[in-house]
C-alpha atoms as a PDB file:
ATOM      1  CA  MET A   1     -19.166  -0.422  -5.778  1.00  0.00           C
ATOM      2  CA  ASN A   2     -15.739   1.527  -5.033  1.00  0.00           C
ATOM      3  CA  GLU A   3     -12.871   0.705  -7.402  1.00  0.00           C
ATOM      4  CA  VAL A   4      -9.955  -1.516  -5.043  1.00  0.00           C
ATOM      5  CA  LEU A   5      -6.334  -1.530  -6.055  1.00  0.00           C
ATOM      6  CA  VAL A   6      -3.414  -3.112  -4.907  1.00  0.00           C
ATOM      7  CA  VAL A   7      -0.829  -1.027  -4.164  1.00  0.00           C
ATOM      8  CA  LEU A   8       3.173  -1.668  -4.718  1.00  0.00           C
ATOM      9  CA  THR A   9       6.238  -0.370  -2.426  1.00  0.00           C
ATOM     10  CA  ASN A  10       9.303  -2.117  -1.207  1.00  0.00           C
ATOM     11  CA  LEU A  11      11.055  -0.966   2.205  1.00  0.00           C
ATOM     12  CA  PRO A  12      14.885  -1.334   2.815  1.00  0.00           C
ATOM     13  CA  ASP A  13      14.351  -2.959   5.932  1.00  0.00           C
ATOM     14  CA  GLU A  14      11.135  -5.423   7.959  1.00  0.00           C
ATOM     15  CA  ALA A  15      11.225  -2.502  10.856  1.00  0.00           C
ATOM     16  CA  SER A  16      10.174   0.182   8.138  1.00  0.00           C
ATOM     17  CA  ALA A  17       7.958  -2.305   5.767  1.00  0.00           C
ATOM     18  CA  ARG A  18       6.120  -3.279   9.485  1.00  0.00           C
ATOM     19  CA  ALA A  19       6.113   0.384  10.840  1.00  0.00           C
ATOM     20  CA  LEU A  20       4.572   1.599   7.223  1.00  0.00           C
ATOM     21  CA  ALA A  21       2.619  -1.046   7.015  1.00  0.00           C
ATOM     22  CA  SER A  22       1.109  -0.878  10.480  1.00  0.00           C
ATOM     23  CA  HIS A  23       0.499   3.086   9.609  1.00  0.00           C
ATOM     24  CA  LEU A  24      -1.405   2.770   6.473  1.00  0.00           C
ATOM     25  CA  VAL A  25      -3.939   0.315   7.716  1.00  0.00           C
ATOM     26  CA  GLU A  26      -4.511   2.454  11.456  1.00  0.00           C
ATOM     27  CA  LYS A  27      -5.399   5.374   9.554  1.00  0.00           C
ATOM     28  CA  ARG A  28      -8.202   3.383   7.189  1.00  0.00           C
ATOM     29  CA  LEU A  29      -6.064   3.813   3.952  1.00  0.00           C
ATOM     30  CA  ALA A  30      -5.277   0.029   3.307  1.00  0.00           C
ATOM     31  CA  ALA A  31      -7.517  -3.104   4.764  1.00  0.00           C
ATOM     32  CA  CYS A  32      -4.814  -5.017   4.636  1.00  0.00           C
ATOM     33  CA  VAL A  33      -0.992  -4.781   3.870  1.00  0.00           C
ATOM     34  CA  ASN A  34       1.087  -8.151   2.937  1.00  0.00           C
ATOM     35  CA  MET A  35       4.652  -7.506   3.778  1.00  0.00           C
ATOM     36  CA  LEU A  36       6.274 -10.149   1.272  1.00  0.00           C
ATOM     37  CA  ALA A  37      10.182 -12.038   2.348  1.00  0.00           C
ATOM     38  CA  PRO A  38      12.926  -9.849   1.729  1.00  0.00           C
ATOM     39  CA  CYS A  39      14.190  -9.779  -2.090  1.00  0.00           C
ATOM     40  CA  ARG A  40      17.241  -8.639  -4.006  1.00  0.00           C
ATOM     41  CA  SER A  41      16.201  -5.537  -6.519  1.00  0.00           C
ATOM     42  CA  VAL A  42      18.769  -4.697  -9.282  1.00  0.00           C
ATOM     43  CA  TYR A  43      18.188  -1.052 -10.896  1.00  0.00           C
ATOM     44  CA  ARG A  44      19.969   1.780 -12.496  1.00  0.00           C
ATOM     45  CA  TRP A  45      19.995   5.095 -10.090  1.00  0.00           C
ATOM     46  CA  HIS A  46      22.054   8.068 -11.072  1.00  0.00           C
ATOM     47  CA  ASP A  47      23.865   6.638 -13.571  1.00  0.00           C
ATOM     48  CA  ALA A  48      24.984   3.601 -11.800  1.00  0.00           C
ATOM     49  CA  ILE A  49      24.103  -0.272 -11.323  1.00  0.00           C
ATOM     50  CA  GLU A  50      22.780  -0.600  -7.612  1.00  0.00           C
ATOM     51  CA  GLU A  51      21.641  -3.697  -6.129  1.00  0.00           C
ATOM     52  CA  ALA A  52      19.759  -3.764  -2.770  1.00  0.00           C
ATOM     53  CA  ALA A  53      18.214  -5.908   0.035  1.00  0.00           C
ATOM     54  CA  GLU A  54      14.714  -5.093  -0.214  1.00  0.00           C
ATOM     55  CA  VAL A  55      11.103  -5.863   1.785  1.00  0.00           C
ATOM     56  CA  PRO A  56       8.238  -5.824  -0.764  1.00  0.00           C
ATOM     57  CA  LEU A  57       4.544  -4.556   0.563  1.00  0.00           C
ATOM     58  CA  LEU A  58       1.212  -5.436  -1.215  1.00  0.00           C
ATOM     59  CA  ILE A  59      -1.486  -2.327  -0.149  1.00  0.00           C
ATOM     60  CA  LYS A  60      -5.026  -3.313  -0.578  1.00  0.00           C
ATOM     61  CA  THR A  61      -7.070  -0.351  -0.861  1.00  0.00           C
ATOM     62  CA  SER A  62      -9.842   1.797  -3.044  1.00  0.00           C
ATOM     63  CA  ALA A  63      -9.114   3.722  -5.422  1.00  0.00           C
ATOM     64  CA  ASP A  64     -11.342   6.724  -3.097  1.00  0.00           C
ATOM     65  CA  ARG A  65      -7.945   6.258  -0.791  1.00  0.00           C
ATOM     66  CA  TYR A  66      -5.248   6.078  -3.605  1.00  0.00           C
ATOM     67  CA  ALA A  67      -4.222   9.702  -3.114  1.00  0.00           C
ATOM     68  CA  ALA A  68      -4.178  10.048   0.749  1.00  0.00           C
ATOM     69  CA  LEU A  69      -2.166   6.647   0.848  1.00  0.00           C
ATOM     70  CA  GLU A  70       0.082   7.740  -1.519  1.00  0.00           C
ATOM     71  CA  ALA A  71       0.847  10.957  -0.032  1.00  0.00           C
ATOM     72  CA  ALA A  72       1.001   8.944   3.389  1.00  0.00           C
ATOM     73  CA  VAL A  73       3.699   5.919   1.600  1.00  0.00           C
ATOM     74  CA  ARG A  74       5.552   9.139   0.530  1.00  0.00           C
ATOM     75  CA  ALA A  75       6.188  10.785   3.520  1.00  0.00           C
ATOM     76  CA  ALA A  76       6.814   8.211   5.830  1.00  0.00           C
ATOM     77  CA  HIS A  77       9.176   6.431   3.142  1.00  0.00           C
ATOM     78  CA  PRO A  78      13.171   6.393   3.180  1.00  0.00           C
ATOM     79  CA  TYR A  79      14.269   6.472  -0.188  1.00  0.00           C
ATOM     80  CA  GLU A  80      13.983   9.700  -2.357  1.00  0.00           C
ATOM     81  CA  LEU A  81      12.124   8.264  -5.050  1.00  0.00           C
ATOM     82  CA  PRO A  82       9.772   4.948  -4.013  1.00  0.00           C
ATOM     83  CA  GLU A  83       8.117   3.075  -5.934  1.00  0.00           C
ATOM     84  CA  ILE A  84       4.450   3.539  -5.783  1.00  0.00           C
ATOM     85  CA  ILE A  85       2.647   1.368  -8.594  1.00  0.00           C
ATOM     86  CA  ALA A  86      -1.278   1.174  -8.161  1.00  0.00           C
ATOM     87  CA  VAL A  87      -2.771  -2.077 -10.008  1.00  0.00           C
ATOM     88  CA  PRO A  88      -6.177  -2.200 -10.275  1.00  0.00           C
ATOM     89  CA  VAL A  89      -8.142  -5.548  -8.781  1.00  0.00           C
ATOM     90  CA  VAL A  90     -10.293  -6.734 -12.061  1.00  0.00           C
ATOM     91  CA  ARG A  91     -11.625  -9.626 -10.488  1.00  0.00           C
ATOM     92  CA  GLY A  92     -12.443 -10.799  -6.934  1.00  0.00           C
ATOM     93  CA  LEU A  93     -14.536 -12.121  -4.005  1.00  0.00           C
ATOM     94  CA  PRO A  94     -17.376  -9.634  -3.963  1.00  0.00           C
ATOM     95  CA  ALA A  95     -17.237 -10.167  -0.048  1.00  0.00           C
ATOM     96  CA  TYR A  96     -13.444  -9.860   0.198  1.00  0.00           C
ATOM     97  CA  LEU A  97     -13.677  -6.767  -2.552  1.00  0.00           C
ATOM     98  CA  ASP A  98     -16.601  -5.352  -0.581  1.00  0.00           C
ATOM     99  CA  TRP A  99     -14.995  -5.211   3.063  1.00  0.00           C
ATOM    100  CA  VAL A 100     -11.870  -3.456   1.207  1.00  0.00           C
ATOM    101  CA  ALA A 101     -13.593  -0.451   0.358  1.00  0.00           C
ATOM    102  CA  ALA A 102     -15.351  -0.523   3.530  1.00  0.00           C
ATOM    103  CA  GLU A 103     -12.592  -0.647   5.658  1.00  0.00           C
ATOM    104  CA  THR A 104     -10.683   2.221   3.571  1.00  0.00           C
ATOM    105  CA  ALA A 105     -14.245   4.050   3.546  1.00  0.00           C
ATOM    106  CA  LEU A 106     -15.315   6.823   6.054  1.00  0.00           C
ATOM    107  CA  ALA A 107     -19.059   7.371   6.277  1.00  0.00           C
ATOM    108  CA  SER A 108     -20.581  11.074   5.972  1.00  0.00           C
ATOM    109  CA  THR A 109     -21.196  10.248   9.825  1.00  0.00           C
ATOM    110  CA  GLY A 110     -17.430  10.150  10.182  1.00  0.00           C
ATOM    111  CA  HIS A 111     -17.837   6.650  11.206  1.00  0.00           C
ATOM    112  CA  ARG A 112     -16.620   3.265   9.148  1.00  0.00           C
ATOM    113  CA  PRO A 113     -19.811   1.316   7.405  1.00  0.00           C
ATOM    114  CA  THR A 114     -20.123  -2.064   8.786  1.00  0.00           C
ATOM    115  CA  PRO A 115     -18.332  -5.008   6.110  1.00  0.00           C
END
């Protein structure tokens, strides 16, 4: 079974978060993307303390698709240095993990497998 990852990133607004989430699922780079409620982030950037409203995304994907997912996030992300953190899923409902793997995999024929 392919390793499942949860990838975290933050976007500056709902419109850009929704666009990125839809793109990732449409391209089968993610099985599911959760858009969370806006949050406040405090961080140091270019030697100054910054504060910003952001929309967090929880992206479920397979380890095999991570490189393509990272490239897609970087290409679409408005930030100079986007947060992209992948956390391996150690345990989970086997049927759900199989579904994530199936939704993000392409069979050798170019068709996705049946979940």
